[in-house]
Amino acid sequence: MKFKFDIKLTQTQLIVISSLFFVLFDNFVFFKKSYEAFHNPFFIIGLGVLLFVVISTLLLIISNRFIIKPLLIILFLTSSAAAYYMAVYGTIINDNMIQNIFETDSKEVYDLLSVKLFLYLFFLGVLPSLFVYKVKIVKNSLKKELLSRLKLLAINIILVPLLYVIFSKYWVSFFRMHKTLRMYTNPTFYIYSLGKYVNEKYLTKPMKFKHIGLDAKVEEKGKPKLVIFVLGEAARYDHFSLNGYERDTNENLEKIKKLINFPDVHSCGTETAVSIPCMFSPYNRSDYSDKKAKNTDSVIDVINRAGVNVLWRENNSDSKGVAVRIKNYEDFTHAHIKPYCNGFECHDEVLLYNLQKWVDEHNNSKPIFIVLHQKGSHGPAYYKRYPKEYEKYKPVCKSNQLQECKRQEVVNAYDNTIAYTDKFLSEVIEFLKKNQKNYRVAMYYMADHGESLGENGIYLHGLPYFIAPDVQKHPASVAWFGDNFDINISCVEKLSKNAYTQDNLFSTLLGLVDVKTKVYNPKMDIFYKCRIKK
């Protein structure tokens, strides 16, 4: 017997049903965190009613007979995905996360796919979307439809002061002391975030591109410099044994003389799409914006303009706009170089492949500055970030569903990525040592941000900066200088315990390659006081 779907609803009735579905099935995390904050089930019901008021009012305003179905289908599908990522990883879908979504690549998306995600999409996205698609919208007259909407709007208007009176002692705390709870409302907060992202990126007045450091020139005398900056990924400081971690995750670096560890460095953001443009930009975190950074020369541009041979090698997603204006950009993310690549992605040692050849080809008495952008500790599939022989800590979580693994398995997999980064950095230093005959050499490493490994149910990174745990904002950083580099190692060791931020990177990199320009600020250069003047 063939099933006949013959449900007829007015637009207003469909809005009510859809709004109830969003509240009841897509906001588990919001209600869970709200209950943890207030411990009052009746107030949680009140929050649900208020959320219904907000969602239904929003739909009343923006929908009509022609767009209501496609609009709801899009919202159901996107809200199901948002519900999944909030529930599984503790993610907040703010404007920075929206930017991350638009700037991610297919490999990063693949790492996030799972059976559980498809179940969320099916039950919370596809099924309600099919209902909306199949339901027949009653074609009321304009007057009747308007009256129906006004009735719902009137009920919503009455509910707001009623909720305020019933739960008056809770609202001040909710709106002032627990502002972050609103970031978990679904779909309202990601709609707001999307609007904010679109407005800033596409609707605000375009900025004129600002060239800086037009006076940049190299003041180097004698043997040219070869400086490698290793841009790490998601490496938190407290999982480096150099910083007192109980596991020997830095067994190679700990043996290297003249290695300097920086235990107190904080990032500009908690996600790659923010941290990388910010750390290479002339702006401090306090006055940084994505639009300003992408319309202003980065420190890479200034160093390149000064006449330095600049190379950017990529094994992550991309440079986030930092390296788009330099000639020498090499992407290894889709390489097929044995034994570093497995057909889908490459391990970080690929960044050293034929690097000596490139250096030899550019041995023209000019300094060389190289950026190696790691895959590093990119989650959630930590177990893919290192070769099998570097699986030092076992058992490991071999799933992107980190919450379904034992926490120690997650930590084991992550620590293996740190141990592999340790090996990679030691190989970078060995590479530099081999070039000391022709260059004054140095390596500087800094991760873009840290990482959460299940503490308080939070995984990965990307929480808004003001509520993100310190481990997401506290990346690892080390430096190494060759025998003939103009840096007093004892001086750097004394200063290394000071607190620094990624705001220091712009001037520090200019100083390392001896680029003189008015945009250089010696007070922000970490090594300025320790430079040996000749």
Protein backbone atom coordinates (compact mmCIF):
# COMPACT_ATOMS: atom_id res chain seq x y z
CA MET A 1 0.00 0.00 0.00
CA LYS A 2 1.43 3.34 -1.04
CA PHE A 3 1.79 5.89 1.74
CA LYS A 4 0.00 9.13 0.98
CA PHE A 5 1.41 12.30 2.53
CA ASP A 6 -1.47 14.75 2.72
CA ILE A 7 -0.69 17.30 5.44
CA LYS A 8 -1.78 20.87 4.88
CA LEU A 9 -0.50 23.76 6.96
CA THR A 10 -0.61 27.51 6.84
CA GLN A 11 2.71 29.37 6.73
CA THR A 12 2.26 30.38 10.36
CA GLN A 13 1.55 26.81 11.46
CA LEU A 14 4.68 25.63 9.64
CA ILE A 15 6.70 28.36 11.36
CA VAL A 16 5.39 27.26 14.77
CA ILE A 17 6.16 23.58 14.16
CA SER A 18 9.61 24.33 12.74
CA SER A 19 10.47 26.68 15.61
CA LEU A 20 9.45 24.04 18.14
CA PHE A 21 11.63 21.49 16.36
CA PHE A 22 14.66 23.79 16.44
CA VAL A 23 14.16 24.46 20.16
CA LEU A 24 13.51 20.86 21.20
CA PHE A 25 16.00 18.97 19.04
CA ASP A 26 18.84 21.32 17.99
CA ASN A 27 19.63 23.00 21.32
CA PHE A 28 20.77 20.20 23.60
CA VAL A 29 24.11 21.90 24.31
CA PHE A 30 22.44 25.25 25.06
CA PHE A 31 20.06 23.69 27.58
CA LYS A 32 22.78 21.50 29.10
CA LYS A 33 25.12 24.43 29.69
CA SER A 34 22.27 26.62 30.93
CA TYR A 35 21.25 23.98 33.45
CA GLU A 36 24.86 23.69 34.63
CA ALA A 37 24.86 27.45 35.17
CA PHE A 38 21.47 27.86 36.93
CA HIS A 39 20.35 24.40 38.17
CA ASN A 40 16.71 25.38 37.75
CA PRO A 41 14.65 23.21 35.36
CA PHE A 42 11.80 25.73 35.28
CA PHE A 43 14.12 28.53 34.14
CA ILE A 44 15.47 26.21 31.45
CA ILE A 45 11.89 25.77 30.21
CA GLY A 46 11.60 29.56 30.27
CA LEU A 47 14.75 29.83 28.15
CA GLY A 48 13.21 27.37 25.70
CA VAL A 49 10.08 29.50 25.45
CA LEU A 50 12.18 32.63 24.88
CA LEU A 51 14.20 30.85 22.20
CA PHE A 52 10.94 29.81 20.51
CA VAL A 53 9.81 33.44 20.59
CA VAL A 54 13.06 34.62 18.98
CA ILE A 55 13.16 31.93 16.27
CA SER A 56 9.48 32.14 15.34
CA THR A 57 9.55 35.95 15.27
CA LEU A 58 12.61 35.88 13.04
CA LEU A 59 10.90 33.45 10.65
CA LEU A 60 7.72 35.55 10.67
CA ILE A 61 9.71 38.59 9.57
CA ILE A 62 11.94 37.09 6.87
CA SER A 63 9.81 34.36 5.29
CA ASN A 64 6.98 34.43 2.77
CA ARG A 65 5.08 31.89 0.68
CA PHE A 66 7.82 31.74 -1.96
CA ILE A 67 10.88 31.25 0.23
CA ILE A 68 9.58 29.60 3.38
CA LYS A 69 10.24 26.03 2.22
CA PRO A 70 13.81 26.47 0.85
CA LEU A 71 14.65 28.69 3.82
CA LEU A 72 13.53 26.09 6.37
CA ILE A 73 15.26 23.25 4.50
CA ILE A 74 18.55 25.17 4.54
CA LEU A 75 18.11 25.99 8.23
CA PHE A 76 17.33 22.39 9.17
CA LEU A 77 20.38 21.06 7.35
CA THR A 78 22.81 23.68 8.67
CA SER A 79 21.37 23.54 12.19
CA SER A 80 21.79 19.77 12.32
CA ALA A 81 25.49 20.19 11.48
CA ALA A 82 25.83 23.00 14.04
CA ALA A 83 24.15 20.83 16.68
CA TYR A 84 26.62 18.03 15.94
CA TYR A 85 29.77 20.14 16.20
CA MET A 86 28.59 21.87 19.36
CA ALA A 87 27.67 18.55 20.99
CA VAL A 88 30.74 16.59 19.89
CA TYR A 89 33.56 19.16 19.97
CA GLY A 90 32.14 22.00 22.06
CA THR A 91 32.40 24.30 19.03
CA ILE A 92 30.83 27.75 18.98
CA ILE A 93 29.75 28.90 15.50
CA ASN A 94 30.84 32.54 15.65
CA ASP A 95 32.00 34.76 12.77
CA ASN A 96 35.58 33.49 13.04
CA MET A 97 34.34 29.91 12.80
CA ILE A 98 32.22 30.90 9.78
CA GLN A 99 35.41 32.25 8.23
CA ASN A 100 37.16 28.97 9.01
CA ILE A 101 34.35 27.05 7.30
CA PHE A 102 34.65 29.09 4.11
CA GLU A 103 38.45 28.89 4.09
CA THR A 104 38.86 25.19 4.93
CA ASP A 105 39.96 22.61 2.37
CA SER A 106 38.59 19.22 1.36
CA LYS A 107 41.13 17.28 3.44
CA GLU A 108 40.15 19.10 6.63
CA VAL A 109 36.48 18.44 5.86
CA TYR A 110 37.23 14.75 5.29
CA ASP A 111 38.87 14.49 8.73
CA LEU A 112 35.66 15.75 10.31
CA LEU A 113 33.27 13.33 8.60
CA SER A 114 31.79 10.51 10.68
CA VAL A 115 28.82 8.18 10.96
CA LYS A 116 27.55 10.23 13.89
CA LEU A 117 27.63 13.40 11.79
CA PHE A 118 25.52 11.72 9.10
CA LEU A 119 23.06 10.52 11.74
CA TYR A 120 22.68 14.11 13.00
CA LEU A 121 22.25 15.32 9.43
CA PHE A 122 19.67 12.61 8.69
CA PHE A 123 17.48 12.83 11.78
CA LEU A 124 17.80 16.57 12.49
CA GLY A 125 18.29 17.79 8.93
CA VAL A 126 17.02 15.49 6.20
CA LEU A 127 13.85 14.16 7.87
CA PRO A 128 12.43 17.57 8.88
CA SER A 129 13.47 18.90 5.45
CA LEU A 130 11.47 16.11 3.77
CA PHE A 131 8.49 17.02 5.93
CA VAL A 132 8.76 20.67 4.85
CA TYR A 133 9.19 19.65 1.22
CA LYS A 134 6.13 17.37 1.26
CA VAL A 135 3.76 19.52 3.30
CA LYS A 136 1.20 21.51 1.35
CA ILE A 137 1.04 25.21 2.15
CA VAL A 138 -2.50 26.52 2.42
CA LYS A 139 -2.89 29.49 0.13
CA ASN A 140 -4.62 32.03 2.33
CA SER A 141 -5.52 35.51 1.25
CA LEU A 142 -2.99 38.21 2.11
CA LYS A 143 -5.34 39.57 4.79
CA LYS A 144 -5.88 36.16 6.41
CA GLU A 145 -2.17 35.31 6.33
CA LEU A 146 -1.25 38.68 7.80
CA LEU A 147 -3.84 38.26 10.57
CA SER A 148 -2.48 34.79 11.37
CA ARG A 149 1.05 36.15 11.65
CA LEU A 150 -0.04 39.07 13.78
CA LYS A 151 -1.71 36.68 16.22
CA LEU A 152 1.52 34.69 16.66
CA LEU A 153 3.51 37.90 16.95
CA ALA A 154 1.08 39.20 19.60
CA ILE A 155 1.46 35.96 21.61
CA ASN A 156 5.26 36.30 21.38
CA ILE A 157 5.11 39.92 22.53
CA ILE A 158 2.98 38.93 25.54
CA LEU A 159 5.33 36.04 26.42
CA VAL A 160 8.40 38.26 26.74
CA PRO A 161 7.28 40.39 29.74
CA LEU A 162 5.56 37.33 31.24
CA LEU A 163 8.84 35.41 31.17
CA TYR A 164 10.62 38.42 32.65
CA VAL A 165 8.21 38.59 35.59
CA ILE A 166 8.25 34.84 36.30
CA PHE A 167 12.06 34.54 36.20
CA SER A 168 13.03 38.11 37.04
CA LYS A 169 15.90 37.16 39.37
CA TYR A 170 17.61 35.08 36.66
CA TRP A 171 17.62 37.38 33.63
CA VAL A 172 20.28 39.84 34.81
CA SER A 173 22.64 36.94 35.49
CA PHE A 174 21.80 35.31 32.15
CA PHE A 175 22.43 38.44 30.07
CA ARG A 176 25.37 39.86 32.05
CA MET A 177 27.20 37.03 33.79
CA HIS A 178 26.50 34.21 31.32
CA LYS A 179 26.74 35.96 27.96
CA THR A 180 28.46 32.97 26.39
CA LEU A 181 25.35 30.80 26.80
CA ARG A 182 23.67 32.70 23.97
CA MET A 183 26.46 31.56 21.64
CA TYR A 184 25.09 28.02 21.87
CA THR A 185 21.58 28.91 20.67
CA ASN A 186 20.78 27.18 17.40
CA PRO A 187 20.11 28.47 14.75
CA THR A 188 19.99 32.06 16.01
CA PHE A 189 23.64 32.57 16.90
CA TYR A 190 25.14 31.12 13.74
CA ILE A 191 22.67 33.18 11.68
CA TYR A 192 23.86 36.27 13.53
CA SER A 193 27.50 35.20 13.01
CA LEU A 194 26.95 34.59 9.30
CA GLY A 195 25.40 38.03 8.95
CA LYS A 196 28.35 39.57 10.77
CA TYR A 197 30.82 37.73 8.55
CA VAL A 198 29.03 38.65 5.31
CA ASN A 199 28.68 42.28 6.38
CA GLU A 200 32.36 42.66 7.23
CA LYS A 201 33.64 40.77 4.20
CA TYR A 202 31.26 41.86 1.45
CA LEU A 203 28.99 44.72 2.48
CA THR A 204 31.23 47.20 4.25
CA LYS A 205 33.17 49.72 2.22
CA PRO A 206 36.22 48.11 0.59
CA MET A 207 39.53 49.14 2.10
CA LYS A 208 42.29 50.56 -0.03
CA PHE A 209 45.30 48.25 0.11
CA LYS A 210 47.98 49.66 2.40
CA HIS A 211 51.60 49.10 1.47
CA ILE A 212 53.98 49.41 4.39
CA GLY A 213 57.74 49.21 4.74
CA LEU A 214 58.36 50.88 1.38
CA ASP A 215 61.72 51.94 2.79
CA ALA A 216 62.72 48.38 3.71
CA LYS A 217 66.29 47.35 2.99
CA VAL A 218 68.74 44.78 4.28
CA GLU A 219 71.50 46.11 6.53
CA GLU A 220 73.38 42.83 6.68
CA LYS A 221 77.15 42.83 6.48
CA GLY A 222 79.38 39.86 5.83
CA LYS A 223 78.07 36.33 5.38
CA PRO A 224 74.36 36.27 4.43
CA LYS A 225 71.72 34.86 6.77
CA LEU A 226 69.58 31.78 6.30
CA VAL A 227 66.59 31.93 8.66
CA ILE A 228 63.83 29.33 8.78
CA PHE A 229 60.57 30.13 10.53
CA VAL A 230 58.56 27.00 11.27
CA LEU A 231 54.87 27.80 11.57
CA GLY A 232 53.37 25.11 13.77
CA GLU A 233 49.78 23.94 14.05
CA ALA A 234 47.78 23.43 17.26
CA ALA A 235 50.83 22.66 19.45
CA ARG A 236 50.04 23.56 23.05
CA TYR A 237 52.95 24.53 25.27
CA ASP A 238 52.20 22.20 28.18
CA HIS A 239 52.66 19.06 26.06
CA PHE A 240 56.27 19.98 25.36
CA SER A 241 58.60 18.25 27.81
CA LEU A 242 60.75 21.39 27.48
CA ASN A 243 58.00 23.03 29.53
CA GLY A 244 57.90 20.34 32.21
CA TYR A 245 55.49 17.85 30.62
CA GLU A 246 56.01 14.45 32.25
CA ARG A 247 56.34 12.67 28.91
CA ASP A 248 59.55 12.98 26.93
CA THR A 249 57.93 14.56 23.88
CA ASN A 250 61.04 16.63 23.08
CA GLU A 251 63.75 14.00 23.33
CA ASN A 252 65.53 15.40 20.24
CA LEU A 253 65.28 19.11 21.01
CA GLU A 254 66.43 18.60 24.60
CA LYS A 255 69.78 17.32 23.27
CA ILE A 256 70.40 20.32 21.02
CA LYS A 257 72.76 22.99 22.29
CA LYS A 258 71.76 26.65 22.00
CA LEU A 259 68.06 25.78 21.77
CA ILE A 260 65.94 28.39 23.53
CA ASN A 261 62.46 27.54 24.80
CA PHE A 262 59.77 30.21 25.26
CA PRO A 263 57.25 28.90 27.81
CA ASP A 264 54.97 31.96 27.97
CA VAL A 265 53.77 32.90 24.49
CA HIS A 266 50.11 33.66 23.79
CA SER A 267 48.39 33.64 20.43
CA CYS A 268 46.43 36.28 18.58
CA GLY A 269 43.50 33.93 18.04
CA THR A 270 42.30 30.43 18.77
CA GLU A 271 41.91 29.37 15.15
CA THR A 272 44.23 29.26 12.15
CA ALA A 273 42.17 31.69 10.06
CA VAL A 274 42.70 34.39 12.70
CA SER A 275 46.10 33.60 14.20
CA ILE A 276 48.13 33.32 11.00
CA PRO A 277 47.06 36.59 9.31
CA CYS A 278 47.32 38.34 12.69
CA MET A 279 50.75 37.06 13.69
CA PHE A 280 52.30 38.13 10.36
CA SER A 281 50.47 41.47 10.25
CA PRO A 282 51.67 44.82 11.66
CA TYR A 283 48.58 44.95 13.88
CA ASN A 284 48.38 43.92 17.51
CA ARG A 285 45.59 41.60 18.63
CA SER A 286 43.77 44.57 20.18
CA ASP A 287 43.40 46.39 16.85
CA TYR A 288 43.49 43.44 14.45
CA SER A 289 40.72 42.61 12.01
CA ASP A 290 40.72 40.15 9.14
CA LYS A 291 39.82 42.89 6.69
CA LYS A 292 42.69 45.15 7.80
CA ALA A 293 45.20 42.31 7.67
CA LYS A 294 44.16 41.22 4.18
CA ASN A 295 44.41 44.79 2.93
CA THR A 296 47.83 45.51 4.41
CA ASP A 297 51.28 44.17 3.61
CA SER A 298 52.40 41.37 5.91
CA VAL A 299 55.90 41.03 7.33
CA ILE A 300 56.52 38.51 4.51
CA ASP A 301 55.84 41.29 1.97
CA VAL A 302 58.16 43.69 3.77
CA ILE A 303 61.00 41.14 3.98
CA ASN A 304 60.52 40.26 0.32
CA ARG A 305 60.52 43.94 -0.66
CA ALA A 306 63.82 44.44 1.16
CA GLY A 307 65.53 42.09 -1.29
CA VAL A 308 65.57 38.92 0.82
CA ASN A 309 65.07 35.61 -0.98
CA VAL A 310 61.73 34.47 0.47
CA LEU A 311 60.22 30.99 0.21
CA TRP A 312 56.94 29.73 1.71
CA ARG A 313 56.43 25.96 1.80
CA GLU A 314 52.91 24.78 2.62
CA ASN A 315 51.73 21.51 4.17
CA ASN A 316 48.58 22.77 5.88
CA SER A 317 45.54 24.34 4.21
CA ASP A 318 47.13 27.56 2.90
CA SER A 319 48.84 30.73 4.11
CA LYS A 320 45.50 32.45 4.88
CA GLY A 321 46.46 35.27 2.52
CA VAL A 322 49.86 35.96 4.05
CA ALA A 323 51.98 34.61 1.16
CA VAL A 324 49.75 35.45 -1.82
CA ARG A 325 52.04 38.24 -3.05
CA ILE A 326 55.38 36.42 -3.00
CA LYS A 327 56.80 34.58 -6.00
CA ASN A 328 58.25 31.52 -4.27
CA TYR A 329 55.29 29.58 -2.86
CA GLU A 330 55.38 25.79 -2.90
CA ASP A 331 52.33 23.74 -1.95
CA PHE A 332 52.95 20.17 -0.77
CA THR A 333 49.41 19.42 0.41
CA HIS A 334 48.65 17.40 -2.73
CA ALA A 335 52.15 16.08 -3.37
CA HIS A 336 52.96 12.43 -4.10
CA ILE A 337 56.51 12.23 -2.81
CA LYS A 338 57.61 8.97 -1.28
CA PRO A 339 58.03 8.15 1.58
CA TYR A 340 56.43 11.30 3.01
CA CYS A 341 53.05 11.17 1.25
CA ASN A 342 50.43 8.45 1.36
CA GLY A 343 48.28 9.56 -1.55
CA PHE A 344 45.96 11.68 0.55
CA GLU A 345 48.25 13.88 2.62
CA CYS A 346 51.94 14.33 3.43
CA HIS A 347 53.80 14.27 6.71
CA ASP A 348 55.76 17.38 7.61
CA GLU A 349 59.18 16.04 6.65
CA VAL A 350 58.13 16.63 3.05
CA LEU A 351 58.77 20.33 3.70
CA LEU A 352 62.51 19.58 3.66
CA TYR A 353 62.33 17.70 0.36
CA ASN A 354 64.82 19.22 -2.11
CA LEU A 355 65.10 22.29 0.11
CA GLN A 356 68.87 22.19 -0.16
CA LYS A 357 68.55 22.38 -3.93
CA TRP A 358 66.40 25.50 -3.63
CA VAL A 359 68.87 27.13 -1.24
CA ASP A 360 71.80 26.32 -3.55
CA GLU A 361 69.96 27.82 -6.52
CA HIS A 362 69.45 31.07 -4.58
CA ASN A 363 72.98 31.37 -3.21
CA ASN A 364 73.50 34.90 -4.53
CA SER A 365 74.89 36.70 -1.46
CA LYS A 366 71.38 37.76 -0.44
CA PRO A 367 69.86 36.54 2.84
CA ILE A 368 67.27 33.75 2.67
CA PHE A 369 64.08 33.60 4.71
CA ILE A 370 61.99 30.40 4.59
CA VAL A 371 58.60 29.66 6.15
CA LEU A 372 57.68 26.00 6.65
CA HIS A 373 53.98 25.69 7.46
CA GLN A 374 53.34 22.39 9.23
CA LYS A 375 50.35 20.11 9.38
CA GLY A 376 51.61 19.68 12.93
CA SER A 377 48.98 18.59 15.43
CA HIS A 378 45.93 19.33 13.31
CA GLY A 379 42.93 17.51 14.75
CA PRO A 380 40.73 15.67 15.17
CA ALA A 381 42.55 12.91 13.24
CA TYR A 382 45.80 13.25 15.18
CA TYR A 383 46.79 9.69 14.31
CA LYS A 384 47.21 10.72 10.66
CA ARG A 385 49.73 13.46 11.40
CA TYR A 386 52.79 11.26 11.91
CA PRO A 387 54.37 8.17 10.29
CA LYS A 388 53.55 4.83 11.88
CA GLU A 389 57.10 4.44 13.25
CA TYR A 390 56.59 7.59 15.35
CA GLU A 391 53.64 6.12 17.26
CA LYS A 392 55.49 6.33 20.55
CA TYR A 393 52.50 6.45 22.91
CA LYS A 394 49.82 3.75 22.71
CA PRO A 395 46.97 2.99 22.41
CA VAL A 396 45.83 5.89 20.25
CA CYS A 397 42.43 7.21 19.24
CA LYS A 398 42.02 6.29 15.58
CA SER A 399 38.79 8.16 15.08
CA ASN A 400 37.70 11.72 14.49
CA GLN A 401 35.02 11.11 17.14
CA LEU A 402 37.34 12.09 19.97
CA GLN A 403 34.61 12.00 22.62
CA GLU A 404 34.05 8.32 21.88
CA CYS A 405 37.67 7.41 22.61
CA LYS A 406 39.16 7.18 26.06
CA ARG A 407 40.71 10.52 26.89
CA GLN A 408 44.13 8.93 27.35
CA GLU A 409 43.92 7.56 23.81
CA VAL A 410 43.25 11.09 22.54
CA VAL A 411 46.20 12.41 24.54
CA ASN A 412 48.43 9.59 23.28
CA ALA A 413 47.64 10.37 19.64
CA TYR A 414 48.18 14.09 20.23
CA ASP A 415 51.46 13.52 22.06
CA ASN A 416 52.68 11.47 19.11
CA THR A 417 52.14 14.54 16.90
CA ILE A 418 54.22 16.61 19.32
CA ALA A 419 56.97 13.97 19.34
CA TYR A 420 56.96 14.01 15.53
CA THR A 421 57.15 17.82 15.51
CA ASP A 422 60.13 17.46 17.84
CA LYS A 423 61.78 15.16 15.30
CA PHE A 424 60.92 17.51 12.43
CA LEU A 425 62.35 20.57 14.19
CA SER A 426 65.55 18.69 14.97
CA GLU A 427 65.85 17.86 11.26
CA VAL A 428 65.36 21.53 10.37
CA ILE A 429 68.21 22.40 12.73
CA GLU A 430 70.42 19.70 11.21
CA PHE A 431 69.65 21.14 7.77
CA LEU A 432 70.74 24.58 8.96
CA LYS A 433 73.91 23.23 10.53
CA LYS A 434 74.93 21.83 7.15
CA ASN A 435 74.64 25.33 5.69
CA GLN A 436 76.73 27.16 8.30
CA LYS A 437 79.71 27.30 5.95
CA ASN A 438 77.90 29.69 3.61
CA TYR A 439 75.31 31.30 5.90
CA ARG A 440 74.63 32.55 9.38
CA VAL A 441 71.74 30.31 10.31
CA ALA A 442 68.79 30.33 12.73
CA MET A 443 65.44 28.62 13.28
CA TYR A 444 62.43 30.12 15.00
CA TYR A 445 59.33 27.98 15.72
CA MET A 446 55.93 29.09 16.89
CA ALA A 447 52.56 27.34 16.69
CA ASP A 448 49.53 29.31 15.55
CA HIS A 449 47.45 28.40 18.63
CA GLY A 450 46.95 25.65 21.19
CA GLU A 451 44.43 22.82 21.49
CA SER A 452 41.83 21.37 23.87
CA LEU A 453 42.02 17.63 24.47
CA GLY A 454 38.74 16.93 26.22
CA GLU A 455 39.13 19.09 29.32
CA ASN A 456 35.60 19.98 30.46
CA GLY A 457 34.27 18.21 27.37
CA ILE A 458 35.98 20.64 24.97
CA TYR A 459 38.01 19.41 21.99
CA LEU A 460 40.11 21.02 19.26
CA HIS A 461 40.19 24.85 19.24
CA GLY A 462 38.34 27.89 17.96
CA LEU A 463 36.36 29.05 20.99
CA PRO A 464 35.91 32.83 21.23
CA TYR A 465 39.11 34.25 22.70
CA PHE A 466 37.57 35.68 25.86
CA ILE A 467 36.11 32.32 26.96
CA ALA A 468 38.66 29.95 25.40
CA PRO A 469 40.70 27.93 27.92
CA ASP A 470 44.33 28.94 28.22
CA VAL A 471 45.49 25.77 26.43
CA GLN A 472 43.88 27.06 23.21
CA LYS A 473 45.71 30.42 23.50
CA HIS A 474 49.10 29.20 24.73
CA PRO A 475 51.14 27.73 21.85
CA ALA A 476 54.62 26.26 22.02
CA SER A 477 57.63 28.23 20.76
CA VAL A 478 61.38 27.58 20.51
CA ALA A 479 64.38 29.15 18.77
CA TRP A 480 67.84 27.97 17.78
CA PHE A 481 70.84 29.95 16.58
CA GLY A 482 73.92 28.73 14.75
CA ASP A 483 77.48 29.36 15.89
CA ASN A 484 77.98 32.47 13.80
CA PHE A 485 74.60 34.17 14.27
CA ASP A 486 74.75 37.65 15.83
CA ILE A 487 72.77 36.73 18.95
CA ASN A 488 74.01 36.44 22.53
CA ILE A 489 72.57 33.08 23.60
CA SER A 490 72.97 33.73 27.34
CA CYS A 491 71.04 36.98 26.96
CA VAL A 492 68.19 35.24 25.09
CA GLU A 493 68.02 32.49 27.72
CA LYS A 494 67.45 35.13 30.40
CA LEU A 495 64.72 36.88 28.40
CA SER A 496 63.04 33.67 27.26
CA LYS A 497 61.06 33.36 30.51
CA ASN A 498 59.31 36.69 29.89
CA ALA A 499 55.72 36.81 28.64
CA TYR A 500 55.35 37.34 24.90
CA THR A 501 52.53 37.30 22.38
CA GLN A 502 52.30 36.84 18.64
CA ASP A 503 52.25 40.64 18.45
CA ASN A 504 56.03 40.38 18.86
CA LEU A 505 56.50 38.29 15.72
CA PHE A 506 56.34 41.09 13.11
CA SER A 507 59.35 43.05 14.39
CA THR A 508 61.18 39.94 15.61
CA LEU A 509 61.24 38.46 12.09
CA LEU A 510 62.38 41.77 10.60
CA GLY A 511 65.19 41.86 13.14
CA LEU A 512 66.28 38.29 12.47
CA VAL A 513 66.92 39.01 8.78
CA ASP A 514 68.35 42.51 9.42
CA VAL A 515 65.65 44.41 7.55
CA LYS A 516 65.68 48.10 8.37
CA THR A 517 62.38 49.96 7.98
CA LYS A 518 60.30 52.53 9.84
CA VAL A 519 57.64 49.91 10.61
CA TYR A 520 60.19 47.92 12.64
CA ASN A 521 59.74 48.42 16.38
CA PRO A 522 62.80 47.36 18.42
CA LYS A 523 60.69 47.28 21.59
CA MET A 524 58.62 44.46 20.06
CA ASP A 525 61.64 42.52 18.79
CA ILE A 526 62.23 39.68 21.27
CA PHE A 527 65.93 39.44 20.36
CA TYR A 528 66.78 43.14 20.02
CA LYS A 529 68.50 43.47 23.41
CA CYS A 530 70.55 40.35 22.71
CA ARG A 531 71.84 41.27 19.28
CA ILE A 532 75.62 41.40 18.97
CA LYS A 533 76.43 44.62 17.15
CA LYS A 534 79.37 44.56 14.78
